[in-house]
Protein backbone atom coordinates (compact mmCIF):
# COMPACT_ATOMS: atom_id res chain seq x y z
CA UNK A 1 3.75 -15.12 3.77
CA UNK A 2 5.64 -16.03 0.64
CA UNK A 3 8.73 -14.09 -0.40
CA UNK A 4 7.89 -10.69 -1.83
CA UNK A 5 9.15 -9.54 -5.20
CA UNK A 6 10.68 -6.07 -5.52
CA UNK A 7 8.23 -3.24 -6.01
CA UNK A 8 5.47 -1.46 -4.16
CA UNK A 9 2.12 -2.94 -3.24
CA UNK A 10 -1.17 -1.16 -3.93
CA UNK A 11 -3.98 -2.06 -1.51
CA UNK A 12 -7.46 -0.78 -2.29
CA UNK A 13 -9.79 -0.36 0.64
CA UNK A 14 -6.71 0.02 2.81
CA UNK A 15 -8.41 2.44 5.22
CA UNK A 16 -10.16 -0.21 7.29
CA UNK A 17 -10.92 -3.86 7.83
CA UNK A 18 -9.34 -6.51 5.63
CA UNK A 19 -7.61 -3.89 3.43
CA UNK A 20 -5.92 -2.39 6.48
CA UNK A 21 -4.81 -5.81 7.61
CA UNK A 22 -3.39 -6.68 4.20
CA UNK A 23 -1.57 -3.32 3.95
CA UNK A 24 -0.05 -3.76 7.41
CA UNK A 25 1.05 -7.33 6.71
CA UNK A 26 2.68 -6.35 3.43
CA UNK A 27 4.52 -3.48 5.16
CA UNK A 28 5.72 -5.82 7.90
CA UNK A 29 7.04 -8.12 5.22
CA UNK A 30 9.06 -5.23 3.83
CA UNK A 31 6.97 -3.93 0.95
CA UNK A 32 6.37 -0.24 0.43
CA UNK A 33 2.56 0.16 0.42
CA UNK A 34 0.22 2.58 -1.40
CA UNK A 35 -2.93 2.64 0.70
CA UNK A 36 -5.89 3.49 -1.58
CA UNK A 37 -9.26 4.46 -0.15
CA UNK A 38 -12.22 6.67 -0.96
CA UNK A 39 -12.17 8.16 2.54
CA UNK A 40 -8.97 9.88 3.66
CA UNK A 41 -9.36 9.48 7.40
CA UNK A 42 -8.95 5.74 7.53
CA UNK A 43 -6.35 5.63 4.79
CA UNK A 44 -4.19 8.14 6.55
CA UNK A 45 -4.53 6.25 9.85
CA UNK A 46 -3.30 3.11 8.11
CA UNK A 47 -0.31 4.94 6.66
CA UNK A 48 0.48 6.43 10.07
CA UNK A 49 0.42 2.98 11.72
CA UNK A 50 2.71 1.59 9.02
CA UNK A 51 5.21 4.42 9.12
CA UNK A 52 5.30 4.57 12.92
CA UNK A 53 6.26 0.89 12.86
CA UNK A 54 9.16 1.67 10.47
CA UNK A 55 7.45 0.82 7.20
CA UNK A 56 7.09 2.90 4.08
CA UNK A 57 3.62 3.91 2.93
CA UNK A 58 1.64 6.63 1.20
CA UNK A 59 -2.08 7.39 1.00
CA UNK A 60 -3.85 7.84 -2.33
CA UNK A 61 -7.50 8.86 -2.35
CA UNK A 62 -9.49 7.21 -5.13
CA UNK A 63 -12.88 5.88 -6.06
CA UNK A 64 -12.04 2.51 -7.60
CA UNK A 65 -15.31 2.47 -9.54
CA UNK A 66 -13.86 5.33 -11.69
CA UNK A 67 -11.09 4.41 -14.14
CA UNK A 68 -9.57 7.89 -14.04
CA UNK A 69 -9.20 7.63 -10.25
CA UNK A 70 -7.62 4.18 -10.54
CA UNK A 71 -5.15 5.41 -13.16
CA UNK A 72 -4.24 8.41 -10.99
CA UNK A 73 -3.85 6.17 -7.89
CA UNK A 74 -1.41 3.91 -9.67
CA UNK A 75 0.52 6.90 -10.96
CA UNK A 76 0.70 8.39 -7.50
CA UNK A 77 1.93 5.11 -6.01
CA UNK A 78 4.67 4.74 -8.59
CA UNK A 79 5.81 8.40 -8.15
CA UNK A 80 5.93 8.04 -4.34
CA UNK A 81 7.18 4.51 -3.90
CA UNK A 82 8.63 3.25 -7.19
CA UNK A 83 7.52 0.57 -9.63
CA UNK A 84 4.79 -1.97 -8.78
């Protein structure tokens, strides 16, 4: 992976599959990660896996097809983890 720039990463669909893999890889590389997903169960599992491995992560529930949810998700990520 290339060198990361300062700031948190926001991964949509982070509760499973490719999104979970990307969130985990970014956390291993040192990025704080906001895991965004419509379903809380998978998103919270991803956050638990990242934090138990020593990473920093937070879960934000959002429906990315709704602009208000996306706006709130970004705001939540910035509040919890700092700038993007």
